[in-house]
Amino acid sequence: MVRNDTNDENAVTRALDALTFILNDPLRAGRFLDTTGLTPDNLRECLTDPSTLAATLTFLEAHEPDLIACADSTGHSPEALVAARRVLEQSR
């Protein structure tokens, strides 16, 4: 079932689902850390930061195959993931 409603809580959930998807693949996780400049330690420290969560979704948006694979894996539509990023960016 694809979930499309977006509010702050749903946006955080979608971003955390996306981060789990990213971190479950070592190559994708390495690319994410290299691209964002985050380390595993400071990633743990900023898991509730809307900027970090938005960056997670921006990372997926930058490579459409990853965005689509994440959507398939998490049950969130690509559009819902993009909408979540927008909500998180407004939460900063």
N, C-alpha and C. Protein backbone atom coordinates (compact mmCIF):
# COMPACT_ATOMS: atom_id res chain seq x y z
N MET A 1 0.84 -1.17 0.00
CA MET A 1 0.00 0.00 0.00
C MET A 1 0.89 1.24 0.00
N VAL A 2 0.62 2.18 -0.88
CA VAL A 2 1.39 3.41 -0.98
C VAL A 2 0.74 4.46 -0.10
N ARG A 3 1.56 5.10 0.74
CA ARG A 3 1.08 6.15 1.64
C ARG A 3 1.44 7.50 1.06
N ASN A 4 0.46 8.42 0.98
CA ASN A 4 0.71 9.70 0.34
C ASN A 4 0.51 10.92 1.24
N ASP A 5 -0.09 10.77 2.43
CA ASP A 5 -0.32 11.92 3.28
C ASP A 5 1.00 12.42 3.86
N THR A 6 1.14 13.74 3.94
CA THR A 6 2.40 14.29 4.44
C THR A 6 2.16 15.36 5.49
N ASN A 7 2.71 15.16 6.67
CA ASN A 7 2.79 16.17 7.71
C ASN A 7 4.17 16.00 8.34
N ASP A 8 4.47 16.78 9.35
CA ASP A 8 5.82 16.72 9.94
C ASP A 8 6.17 15.32 10.43
N GLU A 9 5.24 14.68 11.12
CA GLU A 9 5.52 13.34 11.66
C GLU A 9 5.70 12.33 10.54
N ASN A 10 4.85 12.39 9.52
CA ASN A 10 5.00 11.48 8.39
C ASN A 10 6.29 11.74 7.63
N ALA A 11 6.66 13.00 7.51
CA ALA A 11 7.90 13.34 6.81
C ALA A 11 9.10 12.76 7.53
N VAL A 12 9.12 12.84 8.84
CA VAL A 12 10.22 12.27 9.63
C VAL A 12 10.25 10.75 9.44
N THR A 13 9.09 10.12 9.50
CA THR A 13 9.02 8.67 9.32
C THR A 13 9.54 8.27 7.95
N ARG A 14 9.13 8.99 6.92
CA ARG A 14 9.59 8.68 5.56
C ARG A 14 11.10 8.86 5.44
N ALA A 15 11.61 9.91 6.03
CA ALA A 15 13.06 10.16 5.95
C ALA A 15 13.84 9.08 6.69
N LEU A 16 13.35 8.66 7.84
CA LEU A 16 14.03 7.60 8.59
C LEU A 16 13.94 6.27 7.85
N ASP A 17 12.80 6.01 7.22
CA ASP A 17 12.68 4.80 6.38
C ASP A 17 13.69 4.87 5.24
N ALA A 18 13.82 6.04 4.64
CA ALA A 18 14.77 6.22 3.53
C ALA A 18 16.20 6.04 4.01
N LEU A 19 16.51 6.57 5.18
CA LEU A 19 17.86 6.42 5.73
C LEU A 19 18.17 4.95 6.00
N THR A 20 17.21 4.23 6.51
CA THR A 20 17.39 2.79 6.73
C THR A 20 17.67 2.08 5.41
N PHE A 21 16.91 2.45 4.38
CA PHE A 21 17.12 1.89 3.05
C PHE A 21 18.54 2.17 2.57
N ILE A 22 18.99 3.39 2.72
CA ILE A 22 20.34 3.79 2.28
C ILE A 22 21.40 3.00 3.03
N LEU A 23 21.28 2.93 4.35
CA LEU A 23 22.31 2.32 5.17
C LEU A 23 22.36 0.80 5.07
N ASN A 24 21.30 0.20 4.55
CA ASN A 24 21.29 -1.26 4.37
C ASN A 24 22.08 -1.72 3.17
N ASP A 25 22.57 -0.81 2.36
CA ASP A 25 23.40 -1.15 1.20
C ASP A 25 24.76 -0.49 1.40
N PRO A 26 25.82 -1.25 1.61
CA PRO A 26 27.13 -0.66 1.92
C PRO A 26 27.63 0.34 0.87
N LEU A 27 27.44 0.05 -0.40
CA LEU A 27 27.90 0.99 -1.43
C LEU A 27 27.11 2.29 -1.40
N ARG A 28 25.80 2.17 -1.28
CA ARG A 28 24.95 3.35 -1.21
C ARG A 28 25.23 4.14 0.07
N ALA A 29 25.44 3.43 1.17
CA ALA A 29 25.75 4.08 2.45
C ALA A 29 27.05 4.86 2.35
N GLY A 30 28.06 4.26 1.74
CA GLY A 30 29.34 4.96 1.56
C GLY A 30 29.19 6.20 0.70
N ARG A 31 28.41 6.07 -0.36
CA ARG A 31 28.19 7.22 -1.25
C ARG A 31 27.43 8.32 -0.50
N PHE A 32 26.46 7.92 0.33
CA PHE A 32 25.70 8.89 1.13
C PHE A 32 26.62 9.64 2.09
N LEU A 33 27.45 8.91 2.81
CA LEU A 33 28.35 9.55 3.77
C LEU A 33 29.36 10.45 3.05
N ASP A 34 29.89 9.99 1.93
CA ASP A 34 30.84 10.80 1.17
C ASP A 34 30.18 12.07 0.63
N THR A 35 28.97 11.93 0.13
CA THR A 35 28.27 13.06 -0.48
C THR A 35 27.86 14.10 0.57
N THR A 36 27.37 13.64 1.71
CA THR A 36 26.87 14.56 2.73
C THR A 36 27.96 15.07 3.66
N GLY A 37 29.10 14.37 3.70
CA GLY A 37 30.15 14.76 4.63
C GLY A 37 29.89 14.29 6.05
N LEU A 38 28.84 13.51 6.24
CA LEU A 38 28.54 12.98 7.57
C LEU A 38 29.44 11.79 7.87
N THR A 39 29.62 11.53 9.14
CA THR A 39 30.30 10.32 9.60
C THR A 39 29.26 9.50 10.36
N PRO A 40 29.50 8.22 10.58
CA PRO A 40 28.53 7.44 11.36
C PRO A 40 28.24 8.07 12.73
N ASP A 41 29.26 8.61 13.38
CA ASP A 41 29.05 9.20 14.70
C ASP A 41 28.18 10.45 14.64
N ASN A 42 28.50 11.38 13.72
CA ASN A 42 27.67 12.59 13.73
C ASN A 42 26.31 12.34 13.09
N LEU A 43 26.18 11.31 12.28
CA LEU A 43 24.86 10.94 11.76
C LEU A 43 23.96 10.51 12.91
N ARG A 44 24.49 9.71 13.81
CA ARG A 44 23.71 9.28 14.99
C ARG A 44 23.26 10.49 15.81
N GLU A 45 24.13 11.47 15.92
CA GLU A 45 23.82 12.66 16.73
C GLU A 45 22.75 13.54 16.09
N CYS A 46 22.61 13.50 14.78
CA CYS A 46 21.66 14.42 14.12
C CYS A 46 20.47 13.72 13.48
N LEU A 47 20.12 12.55 13.97
CA LEU A 47 19.00 11.82 13.38
C LEU A 47 17.66 12.55 13.51
N THR A 48 17.54 13.45 14.47
CA THR A 48 16.28 14.19 14.62
C THR A 48 16.34 15.57 13.98
N ASP A 49 17.45 15.94 13.40
CA ASP A 49 17.61 17.25 12.77
C ASP A 49 16.91 17.25 11.40
N PRO A 50 15.93 18.14 11.20
CA PRO A 50 15.23 18.19 9.91
C PRO A 50 16.16 18.39 8.73
N SER A 51 17.26 19.11 8.91
CA SER A 51 18.21 19.33 7.82
C SER A 51 18.87 18.02 7.39
N THR A 52 19.24 17.21 8.36
CA THR A 52 19.85 15.91 8.05
C THR A 52 18.84 15.00 7.37
N LEU A 53 17.62 14.99 7.87
CA LEU A 53 16.59 14.15 7.27
C LEU A 53 16.26 14.61 5.86
N ALA A 54 16.21 15.92 5.65
CA ALA A 54 15.97 16.45 4.30
C ALA A 54 17.13 16.07 3.37
N ALA A 55 18.35 16.13 3.88
CA ALA A 55 19.52 15.77 3.07
C ALA A 55 19.47 14.30 2.66
N THR A 56 18.91 13.46 3.51
CA THR A 56 18.75 12.05 3.19
C THR A 56 17.87 11.89 1.95
N LEU A 57 16.76 12.61 1.95
CA LEU A 57 15.84 12.51 0.82
C LEU A 57 16.39 13.20 -0.42
N THR A 58 17.11 14.29 -0.23
CA THR A 58 17.75 14.97 -1.36
C THR A 58 18.77 14.04 -2.03
N PHE A 59 19.50 13.29 -1.23
CA PHE A 59 20.45 12.32 -1.76
C PHE A 59 19.76 11.33 -2.69
N LEU A 60 18.61 10.83 -2.29
CA LEU A 60 17.88 9.89 -3.13
C LEU A 60 17.34 10.56 -4.39
N GLU A 61 16.86 11.78 -4.24
CA GLU A 61 16.34 12.51 -5.40
C GLU A 61 17.41 12.75 -6.46
N ALA A 62 18.65 12.85 -6.04
CA ALA A 62 19.74 13.14 -6.97
C ALA A 62 20.04 11.95 -7.89
N HIS A 63 19.57 10.77 -7.51
CA HIS A 63 19.80 9.57 -8.33
C HIS A 63 18.46 8.83 -8.41
N GLU A 64 17.71 9.08 -9.47
CA GLU A 64 16.35 8.57 -9.59
C GLU A 64 16.23 7.06 -9.38
N PRO A 65 17.16 6.24 -9.87
CA PRO A 65 17.04 4.80 -9.59
C PRO A 65 17.02 4.48 -8.09
N ASP A 66 17.81 5.22 -7.31
CA ASP A 66 17.79 5.02 -5.85
C ASP A 66 16.46 5.47 -5.26
N LEU A 67 15.92 6.59 -5.74
CA LEU A 67 14.64 7.09 -5.25
C LEU A 67 13.54 6.06 -5.51
N ILE A 68 13.52 5.51 -6.71
CA ILE A 68 12.49 4.53 -7.07
C ILE A 68 12.68 3.24 -6.27
N ALA A 69 13.92 2.80 -6.13
CA ALA A 69 14.19 1.59 -5.34
C ALA A 69 13.77 1.79 -3.88
N CYS A 70 14.03 2.96 -3.35
CA CYS A 70 13.63 3.27 -1.97
C CYS A 70 12.11 3.26 -1.85
N ALA A 71 11.45 3.87 -2.80
CA ALA A 71 9.98 3.89 -2.79
C ALA A 71 9.43 2.47 -2.82
N ASP A 72 9.98 1.64 -3.67
CA ASP A 72 9.54 0.25 -3.75
C ASP A 72 9.79 -0.50 -2.44
N SER A 73 10.93 -0.23 -1.83
CA SER A 73 11.31 -0.92 -0.61
C SER A 73 10.49 -0.48 0.60
N THR A 74 10.19 0.81 0.68
CA THR A 74 9.54 1.36 1.88
C THR A 74 8.02 1.45 1.77
N GLY A 75 7.49 1.35 0.56
CA GLY A 75 6.05 1.49 0.38
C GLY A 75 5.59 2.93 0.28
N HIS A 76 6.52 3.85 0.23
CA HIS A 76 6.20 5.27 0.04
C HIS A 76 6.41 5.58 -1.44
N SER A 77 5.52 6.33 -2.04
CA SER A 77 5.70 6.69 -3.44
C SER A 77 6.88 7.65 -3.58
N PRO A 78 7.51 7.70 -4.76
CA PRO A 78 8.57 8.70 -4.96
C PRO A 78 8.07 10.12 -4.67
N GLU A 79 6.85 10.39 -5.07
CA GLU A 79 6.27 11.73 -4.84
C GLU A 79 6.13 12.02 -3.35
N ALA A 80 5.78 11.00 -2.57
CA ALA A 80 5.65 11.19 -1.12
C ALA A 80 7.01 11.45 -0.48
N LEU A 81 8.05 10.81 -1.00
CA LEU A 81 9.39 11.05 -0.47
C LEU A 81 9.85 12.48 -0.78
N VAL A 82 9.56 12.95 -1.99
CA VAL A 82 9.90 14.32 -2.37
C VAL A 82 9.10 15.31 -1.52
N ALA A 83 7.82 15.03 -1.33
CA ALA A 83 6.98 15.90 -0.50
C ALA A 83 7.49 15.95 0.94
N ALA A 84 7.97 14.82 1.44
CA ALA A 84 8.51 14.78 2.80
C ALA A 84 9.74 15.67 2.90
N ARG A 85 10.58 15.64 1.87
CA ARG A 85 11.76 16.51 1.89
C ARG A 85 11.35 17.97 1.96
N ARG A 86 10.33 18.34 1.22
CA ARG A 86 9.86 19.73 1.24
C ARG A 86 9.35 20.12 2.64
N VAL A 87 8.61 19.23 3.27
CA VAL A 87 8.11 19.50 4.63
C VAL A 87 9.27 19.67 5.59
N LEU A 88 10.26 18.80 5.49
CA LEU A 88 11.42 18.88 6.40
C LEU A 88 12.22 20.15 6.17
N GLU A 89 12.35 20.58 4.93
CA GLU A 89 13.08 21.82 4.65
C GLU A 89 12.35 23.02 5.26
N GLN A 90 11.03 22.98 5.31
CA GLN A 90 10.27 24.07 5.91
C GLN A 90 10.33 24.04 7.43
N SER A 91 10.72 22.89 8.00
CA SER A 91 10.78 22.73 9.45
C SER A 91 12.06 23.28 10.05
N ARG A 92 13.02 23.63 9.20
CA ARG A 92 14.32 24.10 9.70
C ARG A 92 14.20 25.37 10.49
